[in-house]
């Protein structure tokens, strides 16, 4: 694997440690009987995971496009399958986002989950291992193992700890994603035979495939990844899943799981199938623009806070796929940064919904009005997340959406203008929501609600800090991705390549 830089840092098996640590925490829970101890084990495990992931940023060399912190160990002899992991500028931020949000999810579930606490925390930690594995895997079989392993914990989060219609939502989520995953498996097997009998992702990215083969592989990849994003019209499972999922499930679903599909487009579709990606770009861009406008329009019609944020996710993720498929550096870097920003902002919005639901047991906007008087700290946090989501200058989403629109304008001016309407609609539905929830007239039910305590504030403040940090100092987050994004376009340009 010539494109993998083996890890020679003070922590030589850092990625393996990050994959194993949550499972070690799961094993430790077997030695504790009371739920309070289980919660502490989960929190300290997830917290240590985040601390150990920070060297990935500080030791990362942004000038190199190769996979860093690499570990390659033979796993299966026939066929040749290796345990191969590593990260580059594309996967770096997604790994750090996963390790940041997991301890936040543990804390936000401290009192919200009232049954089967041990099983819930086990599910969260297993999910963390699967998600980190997806973003680190450099062998297709290993990638697929982690990709499929993610399904079970998320299914359980929705189906066991969800709302009244949790079984329907969980099965719908599972069937949609499983169908896409089966197509992904078929594509992986075809790549193995067409790419030189190897499952090495980097080697397969350098191989050449016929136009006919690329076309079939592109659509197999496309359906698998589009379901995860989710792109229009594969999005229908998302609102149901969000509404029924517990707060931690919604945060992981919106902030991390949806990024797996966009990550797949950047990691596999573009470098492996450059000709097909260019050929079918008009279809993907059309669906992306439709998702931006459709998601925003549907959000306008929602009376349920979770459904509003779910449809806004469809709209915001449309900017991600739009940025990826305009095939320029501005669009791709904006899309990757939008993945990170959407995870921060939408995760914060779902946390806000969960906090108010614990108090009023309702997610309806009409039942949660005028919270700025009884809950000023809560109202301030909600306003910050909403302004970030609509792309206010000085916040994180402004930077990423601006880059995507610049890249789109370079590709097609008319398309960029149409996509801009999504930002205008976002301002409408988010400001309308904030007006009613934060600044409306308090009802008898909300007039005496307690404000956020220090523990609840601890789940929101780190995300608020990142909103302004990225908004004011975006280069700290853009610089590590430059070389990796450029390498994607180098690989694309080897065939008939870019237009």
Protein backbone atom coordinates (compact mmCIF):
# COMPACT_ATOMS: atom_id res chain seq x y z
CA UNK A 1 0.00 0.00 0.00
CA UNK A 2 2.31 2.77 -1.19
CA UNK A 3 -0.20 5.53 -0.41
CA UNK A 4 -0.35 4.64 3.29
CA UNK A 5 2.01 6.30 5.75
CA UNK A 6 2.46 3.88 8.64
CA UNK A 7 1.96 5.34 12.07
CA UNK A 8 5.30 6.09 13.74
CA UNK A 9 4.01 8.52 16.38
CA UNK A 10 4.12 8.12 20.14
CA UNK A 11 0.87 6.14 19.82
CA UNK A 12 1.76 3.60 17.10
CA UNK A 13 -1.66 1.89 17.06
CA UNK A 14 -3.80 4.98 17.55
CA UNK A 15 -6.60 4.11 15.11
CA UNK A 16 -6.83 0.56 16.38
CA UNK A 17 -7.04 1.93 19.92
CA UNK A 18 -9.86 4.25 18.87
CA UNK A 19 -11.71 1.29 17.34
CA UNK A 20 -11.15 -0.96 20.35
CA UNK A 21 -11.68 1.47 23.23
CA UNK A 22 -15.51 1.66 22.99
CA UNK A 23 -15.65 -2.14 22.95
CA UNK A 24 -13.40 -2.24 26.02
CA UNK A 25 -15.89 0.08 27.70
CA UNK A 26 -18.69 -2.30 26.74
CA UNK A 27 -16.80 -5.21 28.33
CA UNK A 28 -16.20 -3.18 31.51
CA UNK A 29 -19.94 -2.64 31.94
CA UNK A 30 -20.29 -6.34 32.69
CA UNK A 31 -18.56 -5.75 36.04
CA UNK A 32 -21.03 -3.10 37.23
CA UNK A 33 -24.58 -3.83 38.34
CA UNK A 34 -26.09 -0.43 39.08
CA UNK A 35 -27.10 1.91 36.26
CA UNK A 36 -25.25 4.91 37.69
CA UNK A 37 -21.92 3.12 37.40
CA UNK A 38 -22.77 1.98 33.86
CA UNK A 39 -23.43 5.59 32.85
CA UNK A 40 -20.12 6.71 34.31
CA UNK A 41 -18.25 3.94 32.49
CA UNK A 42 -19.88 4.97 29.21
CA UNK A 43 -19.10 8.65 29.77
CA UNK A 44 -15.46 8.18 30.71
CA UNK A 45 -14.94 5.70 27.87
CA UNK A 46 -16.42 8.10 25.32
CA UNK A 47 -14.56 11.03 26.87
CA UNK A 48 -11.22 9.20 26.75
CA UNK A 49 -11.97 8.25 23.14
CA UNK A 50 -12.36 11.93 22.25
CA UNK A 51 -9.15 12.91 24.05
CA UNK A 52 -7.20 10.14 22.29
CA UNK A 53 -8.58 11.25 18.92
CA UNK A 54 -7.22 14.80 19.27
CA UNK A 55 -3.64 13.79 18.29
CA UNK A 56 -5.06 12.87 14.89
CA UNK A 57 -5.42 16.59 14.23
CA UNK A 58 -2.24 17.77 15.93
CA UNK A 59 -0.02 15.11 14.33
CA UNK A 60 -1.73 15.24 10.94
CA UNK A 61 0.49 16.46 8.07
CA UNK A 62 -1.77 18.64 5.85
CA UNK A 63 0.82 18.79 3.05
CA UNK A 64 0.45 15.09 2.19
CA UNK A 65 -2.43 13.41 0.42
CA UNK A 66 -1.49 9.90 1.55
CA UNK A 67 -3.36 8.02 4.23
CA UNK A 68 -1.77 8.76 7.58
CA UNK A 69 -1.66 6.88 10.91
CA UNK A 70 -1.81 3.74 8.76
CA UNK A 71 -1.88 0.18 10.06
CA UNK A 72 -1.85 -2.81 7.70
CA UNK A 73 -2.02 -6.36 9.03
CA UNK A 74 -2.89 -9.54 7.05
CA UNK A 75 -6.31 -10.79 8.07
CA UNK A 76 -7.56 -13.49 5.67
CA UNK A 77 -5.27 -15.38 3.28
CA UNK A 78 -7.69 -16.49 0.54
CA UNK A 79 -8.94 -14.18 -0.77
CA UNK A 80 -6.31 -11.72 0.39
CA UNK A 81 -7.99 -9.43 2.92
CA UNK A 82 -6.08 -7.15 5.27
CA UNK A 83 -6.95 -5.22 8.37
CA UNK A 84 -5.98 -1.85 6.88
CA UNK A 85 -6.88 1.50 8.44
CA UNK A 86 -5.74 5.07 7.92
CA UNK A 87 -7.12 8.58 7.56
CA UNK A 88 -6.57 11.52 5.25
CA UNK A 89 -7.98 15.03 5.10
CA UNK A 90 -11.38 13.71 4.01
CA UNK A 91 -11.90 11.31 6.90
CA UNK A 92 -10.08 13.29 9.62
CA UNK A 93 -12.95 15.61 10.51
CA UNK A 94 -15.57 12.87 10.34
CA UNK A 95 -13.65 10.76 12.86
CA UNK A 96 -13.23 13.75 15.20
CA UNK A 97 -16.93 14.64 14.83
CA UNK A 98 -17.87 11.09 15.84
CA UNK A 99 -15.64 11.07 18.92
CA UNK A 100 -16.88 14.53 19.97
CA UNK A 101 -20.59 13.79 19.72
CA UNK A 102 -20.57 10.38 21.42
CA UNK A 103 -19.82 11.69 24.96
CA UNK A 104 -22.37 14.45 24.35
CA UNK A 105 -24.93 11.77 23.47
CA UNK A 106 -24.09 9.89 26.67
CA UNK A 107 -24.66 13.02 28.77
CA UNK A 108 -27.91 14.00 27.03
CA UNK A 109 -29.24 10.47 27.72
CA UNK A 110 -28.34 10.59 31.44
CA UNK A 111 -31.92 11.21 32.56
CA UNK A 112 -33.79 10.98 29.25
CA UNK A 113 -33.41 7.19 29.05
CA UNK A 114 -35.33 5.48 31.85
CA UNK A 115 -35.23 1.82 30.81
CA UNK A 116 -32.48 -0.64 29.87
CA UNK A 117 -29.77 1.90 30.52
CA UNK A 118 -26.95 -0.66 30.27
CA UNK A 119 -28.12 -1.89 26.88
CA UNK A 120 -28.55 1.70 25.67
CA UNK A 121 -24.98 2.68 26.57
CA UNK A 122 -23.63 -0.52 25.04
CA UNK A 123 -25.48 0.31 21.83
CA UNK A 124 -24.03 3.84 21.76
CA UNK A 125 -20.45 2.62 22.19
CA UNK A 126 -20.78 -0.16 19.62
CA UNK A 127 -22.18 2.44 17.22
CA UNK A 128 -19.11 4.62 17.83
CA UNK A 129 -16.75 1.80 16.88
CA UNK A 130 -18.71 1.08 13.70
CA UNK A 131 -18.78 4.74 12.63
CA UNK A 132 -15.07 5.34 13.28
CA UNK A 133 -14.35 2.12 11.39
CA UNK A 134 -16.30 3.26 8.33
CA UNK A 135 -14.22 6.43 8.07
CA UNK A 136 -10.88 4.67 8.71
CA UNK A 137 -11.15 1.43 6.70
CA UNK A 138 -8.81 1.05 3.71
CA UNK A 139 -9.93 -2.46 2.79
CA UNK A 140 -13.35 -2.88 1.17
CA UNK A 141 -14.30 -5.97 3.18
CA UNK A 142 -13.38 -4.22 6.44
CA UNK A 143 -15.30 -1.16 5.27
CA UNK A 144 -18.38 -3.24 4.52
CA UNK A 145 -18.20 -4.98 7.90
CA UNK A 146 -18.28 -1.61 9.67
CA UNK A 147 -20.90 -0.25 7.24
CA UNK A 148 -23.26 -3.13 8.04
CA UNK A 149 -22.39 -3.21 11.75
CA UNK A 150 -23.73 0.32 12.03
CA UNK A 151 -27.24 -0.81 11.04
CA UNK A 152 -27.90 -2.93 14.10
CA UNK A 153 -27.19 -0.35 16.84
CA UNK A 154 -29.18 2.36 15.03
CA UNK A 155 -32.06 -0.06 14.50
CA UNK A 156 -32.04 -0.80 18.23
CA UNK A 157 -31.82 2.87 19.22
CA UNK A 158 -34.97 3.59 17.23
CA UNK A 159 -36.83 0.31 17.79
CA UNK A 160 -36.22 -0.14 21.53
CA UNK A 161 -35.91 3.39 22.92
CA UNK A 162 -37.97 5.30 20.35
CA UNK A 163 -41.46 6.78 20.38
CA UNK A 164 -44.91 5.22 19.88
CA UNK A 165 -44.34 4.32 16.21
CA UNK A 166 -40.78 3.16 16.76
CA UNK A 167 -41.18 -0.32 15.24
CA UNK A 168 -42.47 1.07 11.94
CA UNK A 169 -39.71 3.70 11.80
CA UNK A 170 -36.98 1.20 12.72
CA UNK A 171 -38.06 -1.38 10.15
CA UNK A 172 -38.39 1.29 7.44
CA UNK A 173 -34.89 2.57 8.22
CA UNK A 174 -33.48 -0.94 8.23
CA UNK A 175 -35.07 -2.02 4.95
CA UNK A 176 -34.05 1.13 3.08
CA UNK A 177 -30.44 1.00 4.22
CA UNK A 178 -30.15 -2.78 3.87
CA UNK A 179 -31.35 -2.61 0.26
CA UNK A 180 -28.67 -0.03 -0.52
CA UNK A 181 -26.06 -2.07 1.34
CA UNK A 182 -26.76 -5.18 -0.74
CA UNK A 183 -26.10 -3.22 -3.92
CA UNK A 184 -22.88 -1.95 -2.35
CA UNK A 185 -21.82 -5.53 -1.63
CA UNK A 186 -22.43 -6.55 -5.25
CA UNK A 187 -20.37 -3.56 -6.43
CA UNK A 188 -17.51 -4.51 -4.08
CA UNK A 189 -17.44 -8.08 -5.42
CA UNK A 190 -17.42 -6.81 -9.02
CA UNK A 191 -14.58 -4.41 -8.21
CA UNK A 192 -12.58 -7.27 -6.71
CA UNK A 193 -12.63 -9.21 -10.00
CA UNK A 194 -12.31 -6.17 -12.27
CA UNK A 195 -9.62 -4.37 -10.27
CA UNK A 196 -6.97 -7.06 -10.01
CA UNK A 197 -8.35 -9.44 -7.35
CA UNK A 198 -7.82 -7.07 -4.47
CA UNK A 199 -10.02 -5.39 -1.88
CA UNK A 200 -7.47 -2.62 -1.33
CA UNK A 201 -9.48 0.62 -1.63
CA UNK A 202 -6.47 2.69 -2.72
CA UNK A 203 -5.42 0.17 -5.38
CA UNK A 204 -8.98 -0.02 -6.71
CA UNK A 205 -9.04 3.79 -6.89
CA UNK A 206 -6.07 3.68 -9.29
CA UNK A 207 -7.43 0.86 -11.48
CA UNK A 208 -9.16 1.42 -14.83
CA UNK A 209 -12.63 0.15 -15.68
CA UNK A 210 -14.57 0.12 -18.94
CA UNK A 211 -17.29 2.71 -19.53
CA UNK A 212 -20.00 0.07 -19.35
CA UNK A 213 -18.63 -1.32 -16.08
CA UNK A 214 -18.29 2.16 -14.58
CA UNK A 215 -21.91 2.93 -15.40
CA UNK A 216 -23.25 -0.14 -13.59
CA UNK A 217 -20.93 0.35 -10.63
CA UNK A 218 -21.82 4.03 -10.38
CA UNK A 219 -25.54 3.34 -9.98
CA UNK A 220 -24.93 0.56 -7.46
CA UNK A 221 -22.78 2.95 -5.41
CA UNK A 222 -25.20 5.81 -6.00
CA UNK A 223 -28.25 4.02 -4.58
CA UNK A 224 -26.31 2.75 -1.55
CA UNK A 225 -24.92 6.19 -0.75
CA UNK A 226 -28.01 8.20 -1.77
CA UNK A 227 -30.13 6.26 0.73
CA UNK A 228 -27.69 7.19 3.50
CA UNK A 229 -27.40 10.91 2.63
CA UNK A 230 -30.47 10.75 2.09
CA UNK A 231 -30.98 12.26 -1.35
CA UNK A 232 -34.35 12.93 -2.89
CA UNK A 233 -36.31 10.66 -3.55
CA UNK A 234 -34.63 8.18 -1.13
CA UNK A 235 -35.28 10.38 1.90
CA UNK A 236 -38.68 9.17 3.10
CA UNK A 237 -37.27 7.02 5.92
CA UNK A 238 -35.54 10.00 7.57
CA UNK A 239 -38.45 12.02 9.08
CA UNK A 240 -40.00 8.88 10.59
CA UNK A 241 -36.66 7.77 12.04
CA UNK A 242 -35.95 11.19 13.54
CA UNK A 243 -39.39 11.62 15.07
CA UNK A 244 -39.31 8.23 16.78
CA UNK A 245 -35.62 8.09 17.76
CA UNK A 246 -34.46 9.21 21.22
CA UNK A 247 -32.43 12.42 21.33
CA UNK A 248 -29.07 10.63 21.19
CA UNK A 249 -30.30 8.56 18.24
CA UNK A 250 -31.38 11.67 16.34
CA UNK A 251 -28.04 13.37 17.01
CA UNK A 252 -26.01 10.40 15.76
CA UNK A 253 -28.34 9.86 12.82
CA UNK A 254 -28.27 13.47 11.60
CA UNK A 255 -24.74 14.42 12.57
CA UNK A 256 -22.74 11.33 11.65
CA UNK A 257 -24.69 8.58 9.91
CA UNK A 258 -25.92 10.79 7.06
CA UNK A 259 -22.30 11.72 6.32
CA UNK A 260 -21.49 8.11 5.43
CA UNK A 261 -23.25 8.47 2.09
CA UNK A 262 -21.52 11.72 1.15
CA UNK A 263 -18.21 10.23 2.31
CA UNK A 264 -18.83 7.29 -0.02
CA UNK A 265 -19.29 9.61 -3.00
CA UNK A 266 -15.99 11.38 -2.26
CA UNK A 267 -14.02 8.27 -1.35
CA UNK A 268 -15.31 5.79 -3.93
CA UNK A 269 -17.56 7.13 -6.69
CA UNK A 270 -15.41 10.03 -7.89
CA UNK A 271 -11.90 8.51 -7.83
CA UNK A 272 -12.89 4.96 -8.85
CA UNK A 273 -15.52 5.80 -11.46
CA UNK A 274 -14.47 9.17 -12.93
CA UNK A 275 -16.04 8.76 -16.38
CA UNK A 276 -19.40 7.61 -15.04
CA UNK A 277 -19.37 10.33 -12.39
CA UNK A 278 -18.94 12.97 -15.10
CA UNK A 279 -21.51 11.36 -17.39
CA UNK A 280 -24.25 11.17 -14.76
CA UNK A 281 -23.45 14.46 -13.06
CA UNK A 282 -26.54 16.28 -14.46
CA UNK A 283 -28.82 13.72 -12.78
CA UNK A 284 -27.07 14.02 -9.42
CA UNK A 285 -26.99 17.82 -9.55
CA UNK A 286 -30.68 17.97 -10.46
CA UNK A 287 -31.57 15.70 -7.52
CA UNK A 288 -29.35 17.81 -5.24
CA UNK A 289 -31.08 21.06 -6.18
CA UNK A 290 -34.49 19.40 -5.81
CA UNK A 291 -33.47 18.16 -2.34
CA UNK A 292 -32.38 21.68 -1.33
CA UNK A 293 -35.68 23.24 -2.34
CA UNK A 294 -37.97 20.33 -1.45
CA UNK A 295 -36.45 19.86 2.01
CA UNK A 296 -36.74 23.57 2.76
CA UNK A 297 -40.31 23.72 1.44
CA UNK A 298 -41.39 20.71 3.52
CA UNK A 299 -39.74 22.21 6.61
CA UNK A 300 -41.98 25.26 6.19
CA UNK A 301 -45.05 23.07 6.61
CA UNK A 302 -44.02 21.27 9.80
CA UNK A 303 -45.56 21.79 13.22
CA UNK A 304 -43.32 19.17 14.88
CA UNK A 305 -39.86 20.46 15.79
CA UNK A 306 -38.13 17.18 14.98
CA UNK A 307 -39.77 16.90 11.57
CA UNK A 308 -38.80 20.47 10.79
CA UNK A 309 -35.15 19.76 11.56
CA UNK A 310 -35.32 16.42 9.70
CA UNK A 311 -36.49 18.08 6.49
CA UNK A 312 -33.93 20.85 6.95
CA UNK A 313 -31.30 18.06 7.00
CA UNK A 314 -32.52 16.89 3.59
CA UNK A 315 -32.07 20.45 2.33
CA UNK A 316 -28.65 21.02 3.88
CA UNK A 317 -27.32 17.65 2.73
CA UNK A 318 -28.41 18.66 -0.78
CA UNK A 319 -25.69 21.32 -0.59
CA UNK A 320 -23.19 18.57 0.24
CA UNK A 321 -23.94 16.45 -2.83
CA UNK A 322 -24.14 19.61 -4.95
CA UNK A 323 -20.64 20.64 -3.85
CA UNK A 324 -19.20 17.18 -4.47
CA UNK A 325 -20.49 16.86 -8.03
CA UNK A 326 -19.54 20.30 -9.38
CA UNK A 327 -15.99 18.89 -9.63
CA UNK A 328 -13.95 21.81 -8.37
CA UNK A 329 -11.95 22.42 -5.23
CA UNK A 330 -14.24 25.13 -3.85
CA UNK A 331 -17.32 22.95 -4.13
CA UNK A 332 -15.70 19.78 -2.75
CA UNK A 333 -14.06 21.52 0.21
CA UNK A 334 -17.29 23.38 0.91
CA UNK A 335 -19.16 20.06 0.82
CA UNK A 336 -16.73 18.39 3.21
CA UNK A 337 -16.84 21.36 5.58
CA UNK A 338 -20.65 21.35 5.29
CA UNK A 339 -20.63 17.74 6.50
CA UNK A 340 -18.81 18.84 9.64
CA UNK A 341 -20.93 21.97 10.09
CA UNK A 342 -24.21 20.17 9.56
CA UNK A 343 -23.18 17.65 12.19
CA UNK A 344 -22.45 20.41 14.70
CA UNK A 345 -25.48 22.61 14.01
CA UNK A 346 -28.15 19.98 13.44
CA UNK A 347 -26.84 17.96 16.36
CA UNK A 348 -27.27 21.07 18.52
CA UNK A 349 -30.81 21.64 17.26
CA UNK A 350 -31.81 18.05 18.06
CA UNK A 351 -30.29 18.42 21.52
CA UNK A 352 -32.41 21.55 22.03
CA UNK A 353 -35.54 19.66 20.99
CA UNK A 354 -34.68 16.81 23.35
CA UNK A 355 -34.13 19.18 26.28
CA UNK A 356 -37.50 20.84 25.87
CA UNK A 357 -39.25 17.51 25.26
CA UNK A 358 -38.03 16.27 28.65
CA UNK A 359 -39.83 19.24 30.23
CA UNK A 360 -43.06 19.52 28.24
CA UNK A 361 -43.31 16.00 26.72
CA UNK A 362 -44.28 17.61 23.43
CA UNK A 363 -42.36 18.43 20.28
CA UNK A 364 -45.10 20.60 18.78
CA UNK A 365 -44.14 24.21 18.17
CA UNK A 366 -47.56 25.31 19.45
CA UNK A 367 -46.92 23.67 22.84
CA UNK A 368 -43.47 25.21 23.36
CA UNK A 369 -43.91 28.95 22.94
CA UNK A 370 -42.36 31.94 24.66
CA UNK A 371 -39.39 30.13 26.21
CA UNK A 372 -37.14 33.21 26.35
CA UNK A 373 -38.79 34.36 29.58
CA UNK A 374 -38.70 31.18 31.70
CA UNK A 375 -35.62 29.72 29.93
CA UNK A 376 -33.33 32.51 28.68
CA UNK A 377 -30.23 30.29 28.44
CA UNK A 378 -32.15 27.73 26.41
CA UNK A 379 -33.58 30.41 24.11
CA UNK A 380 -30.10 31.88 23.53
CA UNK A 381 -28.69 28.47 22.55
CA UNK A 382 -31.64 27.75 20.25
CA UNK A 383 -31.22 31.11 18.50
CA UNK A 384 -27.49 30.50 17.96
CA UNK A 385 -28.05 27.07 16.42
CA UNK A 386 -30.86 28.39 14.23
CA UNK A 387 -28.79 31.33 12.98
CA UNK A 388 -25.92 28.97 12.25
CA UNK A 389 -28.24 26.64 10.34
CA UNK A 390 -29.52 29.45 8.12
CA UNK A 391 -25.93 30.51 7.31
CA UNK A 392 -25.50 33.79 9.18
CA UNK A 393 -22.08 35.35 8.38
CA UNK A 394 -19.67 34.68 11.23
CA UNK A 395 -21.05 31.19 11.83
CA UNK A 396 -19.82 27.88 10.46
CA UNK A 397 -22.54 27.15 7.92
CA UNK A 398 -21.97 30.44 6.13
CA UNK A 399 -18.42 29.39 5.18
CA UNK A 400 -19.34 25.96 3.84
CA UNK A 401 -22.48 27.02 1.97
CA UNK A 402 -20.63 29.99 0.48
CA UNK A 403 -17.89 27.69 -0.84
CA UNK A 404 -20.47 25.29 -2.28
CA UNK A 405 -22.28 28.14 -4.02
CA UNK A 406 -18.99 29.52 -5.38
CA UNK A 407 -18.14 26.09 -6.77
CA UNK A 408 -21.65 25.75 -8.19
CA UNK A 409 -21.42 29.20 -9.79
CA UNK A 410 -18.18 28.20 -11.51
CA UNK A 411 -19.90 25.06 -12.84
CA UNK A 412 -23.28 26.55 -13.77
CA UNK A 413 -24.50 30.04 -12.87
CA UNK A 414 -28.22 29.32 -13.20
CA UNK A 415 -27.98 26.26 -10.96
CA UNK A 416 -26.17 28.27 -8.29
CA UNK A 417 -28.90 30.91 -8.33
CA UNK A 418 -31.63 28.29 -7.90
CA UNK A 419 -29.72 26.61 -5.05
CA UNK A 420 -29.45 29.97 -3.28
CA UNK A 421 -33.23 29.91 -2.85
CA UNK A 422 -32.70 27.10 -0.35
CA UNK A 423 -30.82 29.47 1.96
CA UNK A 424 -33.64 32.02 1.69
CA UNK A 425 -36.23 29.38 2.55
CA UNK A 426 -34.04 28.20 5.45
CA UNK A 427 -34.13 31.70 6.90
CA UNK A 428 -37.92 31.69 6.61
CA UNK A 429 -38.65 28.39 8.37
CA UNK A 430 -35.94 28.76 11.02
CA UNK A 431 -36.79 32.34 11.95
CA UNK A 432 -40.48 31.41 12.03
CA UNK A 433 -39.66 28.56 14.41
CA UNK A 434 -37.47 30.76 16.62
CA UNK A 435 -40.11 33.50 16.70
CA UNK A 436 -42.73 31.13 18.07
CA UNK A 437 -40.59 28.96 20.35
CA UNK A 438 -38.28 31.59 21.82
CA UNK A 439 -40.24 34.84 21.57
CA UNK A 440 -43.89 33.86 21.54
CA UNK A 441 -46.27 34.21 24.47
CA UNK A 442 -45.62 31.62 27.22
CA UNK A 443 -48.51 29.28 27.94
CA UNK A 444 -49.49 28.01 31.37
CA UNK A 445 -47.51 24.88 30.55
CA UNK A 446 -44.25 26.69 29.70
CA UNK A 447 -44.36 29.75 31.96
CA UNK A 448 -42.64 28.01 34.89
CA UNK A 449 -40.23 25.70 33.14
CA UNK A 450 -36.74 25.44 34.70
CA UNK A 451 -33.85 26.76 32.60
CA UNK A 452 -30.90 24.65 31.49
CA UNK A 453 -28.67 23.33 34.28
CA UNK A 454 -24.88 23.11 34.07
CA UNK A 455 -24.98 19.52 32.80
CA UNK A 456 -27.35 20.39 29.97
CA UNK A 457 -25.32 23.46 29.10
CA UNK A 458 -22.22 21.24 28.91
CA UNK A 459 -23.76 19.37 25.97
CA UNK A 460 -24.45 22.57 24.01
CA UNK A 461 -21.52 24.89 24.78
CA UNK A 462 -18.84 22.83 22.93
CA UNK A 463 -20.96 22.91 19.79
CA UNK A 464 -21.60 26.66 20.13
CA UNK A 465 -17.86 27.27 20.48
CA UNK A 466 -17.24 25.31 17.27
CA UNK A 467 -19.93 27.27 15.43
CA UNK A 468 -18.05 30.54 15.94
CA UNK A 469 -14.57 28.99 15.79
CA UNK A 470 -15.18 27.58 12.32
CA UNK A 471 -17.04 30.72 11.26
CA UNK A 472 -14.18 33.03 12.25
CA UNK A 473 -11.14 30.79 11.61
CA UNK A 474 -12.18 28.45 8.76
CA UNK A 475 -8.62 27.89 7.51
CA UNK A 476 -7.85 25.77 10.57
CA UNK A 477 -10.45 23.33 9.27
CA UNK A 478 -9.97 23.76 5.53
CA UNK A 479 -6.18 23.39 5.41
CA UNK A 480 -6.03 19.67 6.37
CA UNK A 481 -8.39 18.76 3.53
CA UNK A 482 -6.63 20.61 0.65
CA UNK A 483 -4.20 17.87 -0.42
CA UNK A 484 -6.73 15.05 -0.12
CA UNK A 485 -9.38 16.86 -2.14
CA UNK A 486 -6.83 17.68 -4.85
CA UNK A 487 -5.85 14.00 -4.96
CA UNK A 488 -9.48 13.05 -5.66
CA UNK A 489 -9.44 15.26 -8.75
CA UNK A 490 -6.02 13.90 -9.78
CA UNK A 491 -7.51 10.39 -9.75
CA UNK A 492 -10.58 11.59 -11.63
CA UNK A 493 -8.46 13.19 -14.33
CA UNK A 494 -6.66 9.98 -15.23
CA UNK A 495 -9.40 8.73 -17.57
CA UNK A 496 -11.53 10.80 -19.85
CA UNK A 497 -11.76 12.66 -16.57
CA UNK A 498 -13.15 16.05 -15.83
CA UNK A 499 -15.00 18.05 -18.43
